[in-house]
Amino acid sequence: MRKLQRPPIEVFTLSFLDIISCAFGAVVLLILLAKNGDTDEHQGPEQLSILLEQVQAAQLSVETLQGALLDKQEELRQAQAKTASITDEQQNLDSSIPRAQQTIQQLQQQAQSLREEIRRETARLRVPDSTDEPSEEVGGIPTDADYVIFVIDNSGSMAGGGKWQKVMRVVSDVLNNHPQMKGFQIMNADGDYLYRSQAGKWLNDTASMRTRALERMSSFVGGGSFPERGILKALNEYKGQSGKVSLYVFGDDYSTAGLDNVVRNITAANAGPNGEPIFRIHGIGFYFATPQNARGFATLMQAVAKRNRGAFVGLNM
């Protein structure tokens, strides 16, 4: 009798694997749920506190940054205002440059006109021209004196008619051409002072003093025509003055009798310890009198000026 063969018994069937898989998944799920629950229960409040602290710190940072931003905005505003001010100043400077250039041009034109006028006058007087370059001389006469003395013939030939006004104008021109002058004095040919109370002293070189002196000169007439008297008196009373002194002698008339002795006496009175002249003595000749008398004054003053570091200029006015 034939035996029936039974199929082999399978221990791990599909149903069994399903059960095992489900059980394993359940265990894993329980482990995960248990871990998450423990973490939330253990760290939940602390995590909230940390988050609150982080939020507060963030808010503080925001406030700090906002304050810094406001400071920077204020600095920016001040910088913009300063820039606007500088821009305005720059615009003002830019607008003033053309005006300054125009003023300089006008001054240059005025200076050129003055040079031309001096050049014409210099040519008329037949003296060296000194207008091309700055110089300490005008019409060949140095103008660097600290003090100036005038010895002026105020006789009738000089003071008659409108002649005296011309003499006064030349006195004013001489004063204006001495930029560093400290004082001056005015005498006539006889040695009488315009201001007798100031004999041996100096009149301060101020605009008001010049004006008053010229006004007073309008009535300072009636003297003689012998300038050696005034020259010797000025040398005697001002010889000890320190600094540079120039003596201007004005006249239109002189007799040449005894001229050599007059020149010798003046030169000796003006000699310093080393024999050199102390004052510069200049002559200004006016052709108001007769030609012969005018030539006599020119001869006298040319000789005196030559020996006393001076110059002579003849004016045909």
C-alpha atoms as a PDB file:
ATOM      1  CA  MET A   1       0.000   0.000   0.000  1.00  0.00           C
ATOM      2  CA  ARG A   2       1.400   3.240  -1.119  1.00  0.00           C
ATOM      3  CA  LYS A   3       2.256   5.865   1.574  1.00  0.00           C
ATOM      4  CA  LEU A   4       1.064   9.361   1.086  1.00  0.00           C
ATOM      5  CA  GLN A   5       3.793  12.109   1.242  1.00  0.00           C
ATOM      6  CA  ARG A   6       2.910  15.135   3.324  1.00  0.00           C
ATOM      7  CA  PRO A   7       4.126  18.571   2.344  1.00  0.00           C
ATOM      8  CA  PRO A   8       6.947  20.007   4.495  1.00  0.00           C
ATOM      9  CA  ILE A   9       5.889  22.134   7.395  1.00  0.00           C
ATOM     10  CA  GLU A  10       6.947  25.834   6.994  1.00  0.00           C
ATOM     11  CA  VAL A  11       7.731  27.434  10.312  1.00  0.00           C
ATOM     12  CA  PHE A  12       8.011  31.031   8.988  1.00  0.00           C
ATOM     13  CA  THR A  13       4.817  31.519   7.118  1.00  0.00           C
ATOM     14  CA  LEU A  14       3.532  34.822   5.779  1.00  0.00           C
ATOM     15  CA  SER A  15       1.159  35.192   8.631  1.00  0.00           C
ATOM     16  CA  PHE A  16       3.947  34.694  11.106  1.00  0.00           C
ATOM     17  CA  LEU A  17       6.152  37.332   9.430  1.00  0.00           C
ATOM     18  CA  ASP A  18       3.294  39.732   9.438  1.00  0.00           C
ATOM     19  CA  ILE A  19       2.802  39.275  13.123  1.00  0.00           C
ATOM     20  CA  ILE A  20       6.497  39.663  13.859  1.00  0.00           C
ATOM     21  CA  SER A  21       6.752  42.782  11.714  1.00  0.00           C
ATOM     22  CA  CYS A  22       3.764  44.343  13.366  1.00  0.00           C
ATOM     23  CA  ALA A  23       5.097  43.573  16.769  1.00  0.00           C
ATOM     24  CA  PHE A  24       8.515  45.038  15.927  1.00  0.00           C
ATOM     25  CA  GLY A  25       6.909  48.199  14.531  1.00  0.00           C
ATOM     26  CA  ALA A  26       4.784  48.535  17.628  1.00  0.00           C
ATOM     27  CA  VAL A  27       7.856  48.257  19.845  1.00  0.00           C
ATOM     28  CA  VAL A  28       9.696  50.931  17.814  1.00  0.00           C
ATOM     29  CA  LEU A  29       6.674  53.205  17.921  1.00  0.00           C
ATOM     30  CA  LEU A  30       6.398  52.790  21.682  1.00  0.00           C
ATOM     31  CA  ILE A  31      10.076  53.574  22.114  1.00  0.00           C
ATOM     32  CA  LEU A  32       9.761  56.739  20.001  1.00  0.00           C
ATOM     33  CA  LEU A  33       6.643  57.896  21.763  1.00  0.00           C
ATOM     34  CA  ALA A  34       8.175  57.255  25.128  1.00  0.00           C
ATOM     35  CA  LYS A  35      11.363  59.275  24.187  1.00  0.00           C
ATOM     36  CA  ASN A  36       9.417  62.237  22.784  1.00  0.00           C
ATOM     37  CA  GLY A  37       7.161  62.363  25.753  1.00  0.00           C
ATOM     38  CA  ASP A  38      10.069  62.308  28.194  1.00  0.00           C
ATOM     39  CA  THR A  39      11.872  65.119  26.282  1.00  0.00           C
ATOM     40  CA  ASP A  40       8.868  67.406  26.090  1.00  0.00           C
ATOM     41  CA  GLU A  41       8.053  66.819  29.734  1.00  0.00           C
ATOM     42  CA  HIS A  42      11.686  67.374  30.812  1.00  0.00           C
ATOM     43  CA  GLN A  43      12.712  70.329  28.550  1.00  0.00           C
ATOM     44  CA  GLY A  44       9.480  72.178  27.739  1.00  0.00           C
ATOM     45  CA  PRO A  45       9.538  75.005  30.420  1.00  0.00           C
ATOM     46  CA  GLU A  46      13.287  75.555  30.134  1.00  0.00           C
ATOM     47  CA  GLN A  47      13.049  75.789  26.376  1.00  0.00           C
ATOM     48  CA  LEU A  48      10.292  78.426  26.734  1.00  0.00           C
ATOM     49  CA  SER A  49      12.425  80.454  29.146  1.00  0.00           C
ATOM     50  CA  ILE A  50      15.368  80.317  26.768  1.00  0.00           C
ATOM     51  CA  LEU A  51      13.169  81.454  23.915  1.00  0.00           C
ATOM     52  CA  LEU A  52      11.881  84.369  26.016  1.00  0.00           C
ATOM     53  CA  GLU A  53      15.420  85.397  26.860  1.00  0.00           C
ATOM     54  CA  GLN A  54      16.380  85.226  23.199  1.00  0.00           C
ATOM     55  CA  VAL A  55      13.376  87.383  22.276  1.00  0.00           C
ATOM     56  CA  GLN A  56      14.294  89.971  24.940  1.00  0.00           C
ATOM     57  CA  ALA A  57      17.921  89.990  23.765  1.00  0.00           C
ATOM     58  CA  ALA A  58      16.757  90.430  20.200  1.00  0.00           C
ATOM     59  CA  GLN A  59      14.500  93.336  21.246  1.00  0.00           C
ATOM     60  CA  LEU A  60      17.425  94.976  23.097  1.00  0.00           C
ATOM     61  CA  SER A  61      19.620  94.561  20.034  1.00  0.00           C
ATOM     62  CA  VAL A  62      16.922  96.113  17.907  1.00  0.00           C
ATOM     63  CA  GLU A  63      16.625  99.096  20.279  1.00  0.00           C
ATOM     64  CA  THR A  64      20.408  99.521  20.337  1.00  0.00           C
ATOM     65  CA  LEU A  65      20.556  99.396  16.580  1.00  0.00           C
ATOM     66  CA  GLN A  66      17.695 101.886  16.337  1.00  0.00           C
ATOM     67  CA  GLY A  67      19.588 104.294  18.672  1.00  0.00           C
ATOM     68  CA  ALA A  68      22.757 103.922  16.622  1.00  0.00           C
ATOM     69  CA  LEU A  69      20.729 104.488  13.463  1.00  0.00           C
ATOM     70  CA  LEU A  70      19.269 107.725  14.900  1.00  0.00           C
ATOM     71  CA  ASP A  71      22.788 108.898  15.835  1.00  0.00           C
ATOM     72  CA  LYS A  72      24.035 108.199  12.333  1.00  0.00           C
ATOM     73  CA  GLN A  73      21.029 109.975  10.853  1.00  0.00           C
ATOM     74  CA  GLU A  74      21.799 113.037  13.023  1.00  0.00           C
ATOM     75  CA  GLU A  75      25.451 112.960  11.957  1.00  0.00           C
ATOM     76  CA  LEU A  76      24.321 112.695   8.359  1.00  0.00           C
ATOM     77  CA  ARG A  77      21.992 115.687   8.811  1.00  0.00           C
ATOM     78  CA  GLN A  78      24.795 117.785  10.342  1.00  0.00           C
ATOM     79  CA  ALA A  79      27.172 116.756   7.567  1.00  0.00           C
ATOM     80  CA  GLN A  80      24.586 117.712   4.950  1.00  0.00           C
ATOM     81  CA  ALA A  81      24.049 121.101   6.638  1.00  0.00           C
ATOM     82  CA  LYS A  82      27.808 121.695   6.779  1.00  0.00           C
ATOM     83  CA  THR A  83      28.126 120.689   3.154  1.00  0.00           C
ATOM     84  CA  ALA A  84      25.374 123.149   2.247  1.00  0.00           C
ATOM     85  CA  SER A  85      27.165 125.917   4.176  1.00  0.00           C
ATOM     86  CA  ILE A  86      30.463 125.142   2.458  1.00  0.00           C
ATOM     87  CA  THR A  87      28.681 125.126  -0.862  1.00  0.00           C
ATOM     88  CA  ASP A  88      27.234 128.587  -0.131  1.00  0.00           C
ATOM     89  CA  GLU A  89      30.673 129.884   0.854  1.00  0.00           C
ATOM     90  CA  GLN A  90      32.160 128.418  -2.303  1.00  0.00           C
ATOM     91  CA  GLN A  91      29.465 130.078  -4.377  1.00  0.00           C
ATOM     92  CA  ASN A  92      30.131 133.408  -2.629  1.00  0.00           C
ATOM     93  CA  LEU A  93      33.859 133.053  -3.277  1.00  0.00           C
ATOM     94  CA  ASP A  94      33.219 132.122  -6.887  1.00  0.00           C
ATOM     95  CA  SER A  95      31.041 135.196  -7.326  1.00  0.00           C
ATOM     96  CA  SER A  96      33.587 137.494  -5.611  1.00  0.00           C
ATOM     97  CA  ILE A  97      36.493 136.425  -7.826  1.00  0.00           C
ATOM     98  CA  PRO A  98      35.257 138.350 -10.912  1.00  0.00           C
ATOM     99  CA  ARG A  99      34.707 141.466  -8.780  1.00  0.00           C
ATOM    100  CA  ALA A 100      38.214 141.197  -7.325  1.00  0.00           C
ATOM    101  CA  GLN A 101      39.688 140.707 -10.796  1.00  0.00           C
ATOM    102  CA  GLN A 102      37.808 143.763 -12.036  1.00  0.00           C
ATOM    103  CA  THR A 103      39.070 145.830  -9.088  1.00  0.00           C
ATOM    104  CA  ILE A 104      42.663 144.709  -9.726  1.00  0.00           C
ATOM    105  CA  GLN A 105      42.311 145.640 -13.374  1.00  0.00           C
ATOM    106  CA  GLN A 106      40.979 149.089 -12.451  1.00  0.00           C
ATOM    107  CA  LEU A 107      43.849 149.656 -10.017  1.00  0.00           C
ATOM    108  CA  GLN A 108      46.360 148.570 -12.631  1.00  0.00           C
ATOM    109  CA  GLN A 109      44.840 151.009 -15.098  1.00  0.00           C
ATOM    110  CA  GLN A 110      44.983 153.818 -12.536  1.00  0.00           C
ATOM    111  CA  ALA A 111      48.611 152.979 -11.744  1.00  0.00           C
ATOM    112  CA  GLN A 112      49.452 153.014 -15.439  1.00  0.00           C
ATOM    113  CA  SER A 113      47.756 156.401 -15.833  1.00  0.00           C
ATOM    114  CA  LEU A 114      49.781 157.771 -12.923  1.00  0.00           C
ATOM    115  CA  ARG A 115      52.980 156.393 -14.444  1.00  0.00           C
ATOM    116  CA  GLU A 116      52.166 158.081 -17.735  1.00  0.00           C
ATOM    117  CA  GLU A 117      51.455 161.362 -15.975  1.00  0.00           C
ATOM    118  CA  ILE A 118      54.731 161.178 -14.023  1.00  0.00           C
ATOM    119  CA  ARG A 119      56.589 160.274 -17.210  1.00  0.00           C
ATOM    120  CA  ARG A 120      55.168 163.323 -19.000  1.00  0.00           C
ATOM    121  CA  GLU A 121      56.008 165.593 -16.083  1.00  0.00           C
ATOM    122  CA  THR A 122      59.489 164.072 -15.841  1.00  0.00           C
ATOM    123  CA  ALA A 123      60.117 164.718 -19.525  1.00  0.00           C
ATOM    124  CA  ARG A 124      58.935 168.294 -19.118  1.00  0.00           C
ATOM    125  CA  LEU A 125      61.279 168.843 -16.176  1.00  0.00           C
ATOM    126  CA  ARG A 126      64.155 167.137 -17.996  1.00  0.00           C
ATOM    127  CA  VAL A 127      64.981 164.768 -15.133  1.00  0.00           C
ATOM    128  CA  PRO A 128      65.590 160.972 -15.223  1.00  0.00           C
ATOM    129  CA  ASP A 129      62.494 158.848 -15.653  1.00  0.00           C
ATOM    130  CA  SER A 130      61.769 156.629 -12.641  1.00  0.00           C
ATOM    131  CA  THR A 131      58.322 155.226 -13.413  1.00  0.00           C
ATOM    132  CA  ASP A 132      59.233 151.955 -15.112  1.00  0.00           C
ATOM    133  CA  GLU A 133      60.314 150.220 -11.904  1.00  0.00           C
ATOM    134  CA  PRO A 134      59.526 150.936  -8.245  1.00  0.00           C
ATOM    135  CA  SER A 135      62.084 153.360  -6.857  1.00  0.00           C
ATOM    136  CA  GLU A 136      62.877 155.390  -3.759  1.00  0.00           C
ATOM    137  CA  GLU A 137      63.343 158.477  -5.937  1.00  0.00           C
ATOM    138  CA  VAL A 138      60.894 160.887  -7.566  1.00  0.00           C
ATOM    139  CA  GLY A 139      62.264 163.203 -10.203  1.00  0.00           C
ATOM    140  CA  GLY A 140      65.805 162.195  -9.240  1.00  0.00           C
ATOM    141  CA  ILE A 141      65.279 163.150  -5.582  1.00  0.00           C
ATOM    142  CA  PRO A 142      65.418 160.366  -2.923  1.00  0.00           C
ATOM    143  CA  THR A 143      62.181 160.074  -0.934  1.00  0.00           C
ATOM    144  CA  ASP A 144      63.346 157.833   1.902  1.00  0.00           C
ATOM    145  CA  ALA A 145      63.721 160.621   4.497  1.00  0.00           C
ATOM    146  CA  ASP A 146      62.323 160.245   8.004  1.00  0.00           C
ATOM    147  CA  TYR A 147      62.049 164.017   8.439  1.00  0.00           C
ATOM    148  CA  VAL A 148      61.626 166.862   5.939  1.00  0.00           C
ATOM    149  CA  ILE A 149      62.402 170.571   6.374  1.00  0.00           C
ATOM    150  CA  PHE A 150      61.203 173.246   3.937  1.00  0.00           C
ATOM    151  CA  VAL A 151      63.061 176.546   3.582  1.00  0.00           C
ATOM    152  CA  ILE A 152      60.851 178.635   1.295  1.00  0.00           C
ATOM    153  CA  ASP A 153      61.390 182.034  -0.250  1.00  0.00           C
ATOM    154  CA  ASN A 154      58.080 183.763   0.522  1.00  0.00           C
ATOM    155  CA  SER A 155      58.956 187.162  -0.926  1.00  0.00           C
ATOM    156  CA  GLY A 156      56.711 189.046  -3.311  1.00  0.00           C
ATOM    157  CA  SER A 157      58.096 187.377  -6.426  1.00  0.00           C
ATOM    158  CA  MET A 158      57.066 183.966  -5.066  1.00  0.00           C
ATOM    159  CA  ALA A 159      53.823 184.939  -3.333  1.00  0.00           C
ATOM    160  CA  GLY A 160      52.282 187.383  -5.793  1.00  0.00           C
ATOM    161  CA  GLY A 161      49.177 186.511  -7.794  1.00  0.00           C
ATOM    162  CA  GLY A 162      48.493 182.775  -8.034  1.00  0.00           C
ATOM    163  CA  LYS A 163      52.159 181.798  -7.682  1.00  0.00           C
ATOM    164  CA  TRP A 164      51.905 180.979  -3.972  1.00  0.00           C
ATOM    165  CA  GLN A 165      49.178 178.404  -4.606  1.00  0.00           C
ATOM    166  CA  LYS A 166      51.543 176.614  -6.993  1.00  0.00           C
ATOM    167  CA  VAL A 167      54.285 176.665  -4.351  1.00  0.00           C
ATOM    168  CA  MET A 168      51.882 175.190  -1.794  1.00  0.00           C
ATOM    169  CA  ARG A 169      50.894 172.460  -4.257  1.00  0.00           C
ATOM    170  CA  VAL A 170      54.559 171.460  -4.691  1.00  0.00           C
ATOM    171  CA  VAL A 171      54.982 171.359  -0.887  1.00  0.00           C
ATOM    172  CA  SER A 172      52.008 168.984  -0.706  1.00  0.00           C
ATOM    173  CA  ASP A 173      53.475 166.808  -3.489  1.00  0.00           C
ATOM    174  CA  VAL A 174      56.823 166.551  -1.703  1.00  0.00           C
ATOM    175  CA  LEU A 175      55.091 165.486   1.529  1.00  0.00           C
ATOM    176  CA  ASN A 176      53.010 162.878  -0.304  1.00  0.00           C
ATOM    177  CA  ASN A 177      56.098 161.387  -1.922  1.00  0.00           C
ATOM    178  CA  HIS A 178      57.738 160.508   1.422  1.00  0.00           C
ATOM    179  CA  PRO A 179      56.017 157.273   2.556  1.00  0.00           C
ATOM    180  CA  GLN A 180      57.988 156.733   5.778  1.00  0.00           C
ATOM    181  CA  MET A 181      58.148 160.329   7.006  1.00  0.00           C
ATOM    182  CA  LYS A 182      57.653 160.871  10.750  1.00  0.00           C
ATOM    183  CA  GLY A 183      57.693 164.662  10.966  1.00  0.00           C
ATOM    184  CA  PHE A 184      58.232 167.860   8.999  1.00  0.00           C
ATOM    185  CA  GLN A 185      58.896 171.569   9.487  1.00  0.00           C
ATOM    186  CA  ILE A 186      58.300 174.690   7.375  1.00  0.00           C
ATOM    187  CA  MET A 187      60.442 177.837   7.517  1.00  0.00           C
ATOM    188  CA  ASN A 188      60.901 180.835   5.264  1.00  0.00           C
ATOM    189  CA  ALA A 189      64.192 181.955   3.725  1.00  0.00           C
ATOM    190  CA  ASP A 190      64.885 184.189   6.719  1.00  0.00           C
ATOM    191  CA  GLY A 191      64.560 181.260   9.147  1.00  0.00           C
ATOM    192  CA  ASP A 192      61.136 182.201  10.564  1.00  0.00           C
ATOM    193  CA  TYR A 193      58.899 179.214  11.404  1.00  0.00           C
ATOM    194  CA  LEU A 194      55.407 178.659  10.081  1.00  0.00           C
ATOM    195  CA  TYR A 195      54.571 177.648  13.675  1.00  0.00           C
ATOM    196  CA  ARG A 196      56.823 179.712  15.913  1.00  0.00           C
ATOM    197  CA  SER A 197      55.810 177.707  18.983  1.00  0.00           C
ATOM    198  CA  GLN A 198      57.232 174.591  17.315  1.00  0.00           C
ATOM    199  CA  ALA A 199      60.686 176.040  16.645  1.00  0.00           C
ATOM    200  CA  GLY A 200      63.313 173.300  16.929  1.00  0.00           C
ATOM    201  CA  LYS A 201      60.572 170.636  17.094  1.00  0.00           C
ATOM    202  CA  TRP A 202      58.715 168.595  14.482  1.00  0.00           C
ATOM    203  CA  LEU A 203      55.171 168.801  13.165  1.00  0.00           C
ATOM    204  CA  ASN A 204      53.697 165.285  13.324  1.00  0.00           C
ATOM    205  CA  ASP A 205      53.113 163.812   9.891  1.00  0.00           C
ATOM    206  CA  THR A 206      49.356 163.271   9.969  1.00  0.00           C
ATOM    207  CA  ALA A 207      46.715 164.095   7.388  1.00  0.00           C
ATOM    208  CA  SER A 208      45.125 166.710   9.638  1.00  0.00           C
ATOM    209  CA  MET A 209      48.487 168.338  10.405  1.00  0.00           C
ATOM    210  CA  ARG A 210      49.327 168.543   6.713  1.00  0.00           C
ATOM    211  CA  THR A 211      45.974 170.146   5.983  1.00  0.00           C
ATOM    212  CA  ARG A 212      46.354 172.720   8.775  1.00  0.00           C
ATOM    213  CA  ALA A 213      49.931 173.530   7.761  1.00  0.00           C
ATOM    214  CA  LEU A 214      48.981 174.128   4.124  1.00  0.00           C
ATOM    215  CA  GLU A 215      46.058 176.303   5.186  1.00  0.00           C
ATOM    216  CA  ARG A 216      48.379 178.319   7.412  1.00  0.00           C
ATOM    217  CA  MET A 217      50.867 178.657   4.561  1.00  0.00           C
ATOM    218  CA  SER A 218      48.336 180.684   2.565  1.00  0.00           C
ATOM    219  CA  SER A 219      49.180 183.691   4.784  1.00  0.00           C
ATOM    220  CA  PHE A 220      52.854 182.844   5.392  1.00  0.00           C
ATOM    221  CA  VAL A 221      54.271 185.497   3.024  1.00  0.00           C
ATOM    222  CA  GLY A 222      56.376 188.648   3.128  1.00  0.00           C
ATOM    223  CA  GLY A 223      59.920 187.411   3.822  1.00  0.00           C
ATOM    224  CA  GLY A 224      63.238 187.833   2.031  1.00  0.00           C
ATOM    225  CA  SER A 225      65.129 185.979  -0.700  1.00  0.00           C
ATOM    226  CA  PHE A 226      68.318 184.873   1.053  1.00  0.00           C
ATOM    227  CA  PRO A 227      67.810 181.115   1.669  1.00  0.00           C
ATOM    228  CA  GLU A 228      71.233 180.606   3.274  1.00  0.00           C
ATOM    229  CA  ARG A 229      69.796 182.140   6.468  1.00  0.00           C
ATOM    230  CA  GLY A 230      67.037 179.596   6.737  1.00  0.00           C
ATOM    231  CA  ILE A 231      69.345 176.753   5.682  1.00  0.00           C
ATOM    232  CA  LEU A 232      71.968 177.533   8.335  1.00  0.00           C
ATOM    233  CA  LYS A 233      69.315 177.957  11.021  1.00  0.00           C
ATOM    234  CA  ALA A 234      67.736 174.591  10.152  1.00  0.00           C
ATOM    235  CA  LEU A 235      71.144 172.880  10.196  1.00  0.00           C
ATOM    236  CA  ASN A 236      71.981 174.424  13.560  1.00  0.00           C
ATOM    237  CA  GLU A 237      68.697 173.455  15.246  1.00  0.00           C
ATOM    238  CA  TYR A 238      68.119 169.970  13.743  1.00  0.00           C
ATOM    239  CA  LYS A 239      71.647 168.708  13.146  1.00  0.00           C
ATOM    240  CA  GLY A 240      71.429 166.272  16.074  1.00  0.00           C
ATOM    241  CA  GLN A 241      68.275 164.542  14.823  1.00  0.00           C
ATOM    242  CA  SER A 242      68.721 160.796  14.324  1.00  0.00           C
ATOM    243  CA  GLY A 243      67.428 159.252  11.122  1.00  0.00           C
ATOM    244  CA  LYS A 244      67.399 160.572   7.577  1.00  0.00           C
ATOM    245  CA  VAL A 245      66.630 164.277   7.134  1.00  0.00           C
ATOM    246  CA  SER A 246      66.025 166.028   3.810  1.00  0.00           C
ATOM    247  CA  LEU A 247      66.028 169.818   3.470  1.00  0.00           C
ATOM    248  CA  TYR A 248      64.133 171.334   0.527  1.00  0.00           C
ATOM    249  CA  VAL A 249      64.942 174.897  -0.503  1.00  0.00           C
ATOM    250  CA  PHE A 250      62.326 176.708  -2.637  1.00  0.00           C
ATOM    251  CA  GLY A 251      63.111 179.895  -4.498  1.00  0.00           C
ATOM    252  CA  ASP A 252      63.090 181.855  -7.742  1.00  0.00           C
ATOM    253  CA  ASP A 253      65.573 184.630  -7.140  1.00  0.00           C
ATOM    254  CA  TYR A 254      69.155 184.957  -5.948  1.00  0.00           C
ATOM    255  CA  SER A 255      72.105 187.247  -6.474  1.00  0.00           C
ATOM    256  CA  THR A 256      75.290 185.306  -7.127  1.00  0.00           C
ATOM    257  CA  ALA A 257      77.522 187.822  -5.341  1.00  0.00           C
ATOM    258  CA  GLY A 258      79.577 185.926  -2.752  1.00  0.00           C
ATOM    259  CA  LEU A 259      78.079 182.630  -3.884  1.00  0.00           C
ATOM    260  CA  ASP A 260      81.246 180.613  -3.242  1.00  0.00           C
ATOM    261  CA  ASN A 261      81.376 181.646   0.415  1.00  0.00           C
ATOM    262  CA  VAL A 262      77.683 180.838   0.882  1.00  0.00           C
ATOM    263  CA  VAL A 263      78.114 177.342  -0.573  1.00  0.00           C
ATOM    264  CA  ARG A 264      81.229 176.773   1.536  1.00  0.00           C
ATOM    265  CA  ASN A 265      79.497 177.849   4.768  1.00  0.00           C
ATOM    266  CA  ILE A 266      76.456 175.647   4.160  1.00  0.00           C
ATOM    267  CA  THR A 267      78.605 172.619   3.305  1.00  0.00           C
ATOM    268  CA  ALA A 268      80.745 173.097   6.436  1.00  0.00           C
ATOM    269  CA  ALA A 269      77.658 173.467   8.663  1.00  0.00           C
ATOM    270  CA  ASN A 270      76.223 170.229   7.238  1.00  0.00           C
ATOM    271  CA  ALA A 271      79.383 168.146   7.676  1.00  0.00           C
ATOM    272  CA  GLY A 272      79.361 165.260  10.144  1.00  0.00           C
ATOM    273  CA  PRO A 273      82.270 163.892  12.220  1.00  0.00           C
ATOM    274  CA  ASN A 274      83.579 161.987   9.204  1.00  0.00           C
ATOM    275  CA  GLY A 275      83.158 164.951   6.877  1.00  0.00           C
ATOM    276  CA  GLU A 276      80.127 163.459   5.103  1.00  0.00           C
ATOM    277  CA  PRO A 277      76.915 165.561   4.768  1.00  0.00           C
ATOM    278  CA  ILE A 278      74.337 164.972   7.508  1.00  0.00           C
ATOM    279  CA  PHE A 279      71.269 166.280   5.640  1.00  0.00           C
ATOM    280  CA  ARG A 280      70.380 165.864   1.997  1.00  0.00           C
ATOM    281  CA  ILE A 281      69.846 169.385   0.661  1.00  0.00           C
ATOM    282  CA  HIS A 282      67.654 169.688  -2.441  1.00  0.00           C
ATOM    283  CA  GLY A 283      66.729 172.712  -4.498  1.00  0.00           C
ATOM    284  CA  ILE A 284      63.366 173.408  -6.169  1.00  0.00           C
ATOM    285  CA  GLY A 285      63.580 176.332  -8.584  1.00  0.00           C
ATOM    286  CA  PHE A 286      60.565 178.331  -9.794  1.00  0.00           C
ATOM    287  CA  TYR A 287      60.818 180.552 -12.865  1.00  0.00           C
ATOM    288  CA  PHE A 288      58.644 183.335 -11.453  1.00  0.00           C
ATOM    289  CA  ALA A 289      61.258 186.113 -11.404  1.00  0.00           C
ATOM    290  CA  THR A 290      63.414 187.391 -14.231  1.00  0.00           C
ATOM    291  CA  PRO A 291      65.460 184.761 -16.106  1.00  0.00           C
ATOM    292  CA  GLN A 292      68.700 186.221 -14.716  1.00  0.00           C
ATOM    293  CA  ASN A 293      67.550 186.015 -11.107  1.00  0.00           C
ATOM    294  CA  ALA A 294      66.129 182.525 -11.682  1.00  0.00           C
ATOM    295  CA  ARG A 295      69.482 181.416 -13.051  1.00  0.00           C
ATOM    296  CA  GLY A 296      71.163 182.848  -9.930  1.00  0.00           C
ATOM    297  CA  PHE A 297      69.007 180.669  -7.640  1.00  0.00           C
ATOM    298  CA  ALA A 298      69.582 177.633  -9.872  1.00  0.00           C
ATOM    299  CA  THR A 299      73.355 178.211  -9.765  1.00  0.00           C
ATOM    300  CA  LEU A 300      73.339 178.474  -5.958  1.00  0.00           C
ATOM    301  CA  MET A 301      71.234 175.369  -5.332  1.00  0.00           C
ATOM    302  CA  GLN A 302      72.979 173.229  -7.925  1.00  0.00           C
ATOM    303  CA  ALA A 303      76.273 173.886  -6.148  1.00  0.00           C
ATOM    304  CA  VAL A 304      74.777 173.301  -2.672  1.00  0.00           C
ATOM    305  CA  ALA A 305      72.938 170.117  -3.734  1.00  0.00           C
ATOM    306  CA  LYS A 306      76.023 168.691  -5.441  1.00  0.00           C
ATOM    307  CA  ARG A 307      78.083 169.017  -2.234  1.00  0.00           C
ATOM    308  CA  ASN A 308      75.313 167.790   0.101  1.00  0.00           C
ATOM    309  CA  ARG A 309      74.012 164.599  -1.557  1.00  0.00           C
ATOM    310  CA  GLY A 310      71.018 166.410  -3.011  1.00  0.00           C
ATOM    311  CA  ALA A 311      69.447 167.263  -6.352  1.00  0.00           C
ATOM    312  CA  PHE A 312      68.110 170.349  -8.055  1.00  0.00           C
ATOM    313  CA  VAL A 313      64.867 170.478 -10.052  1.00  0.00           C
ATOM    314  CA  GLY A 314      63.639 173.492 -12.005  1.00  0.00           C
ATOM    315  CA  LEU A 315      59.885 173.963 -12.393  1.00  0.00           C
ATOM    316  CA  ASN A 316      58.511 176.112 -15.182  1.00  0.00           C
ATOM    317  CA  MET A 317      55.038 176.721 -13.781  1.00  0.00           C
END
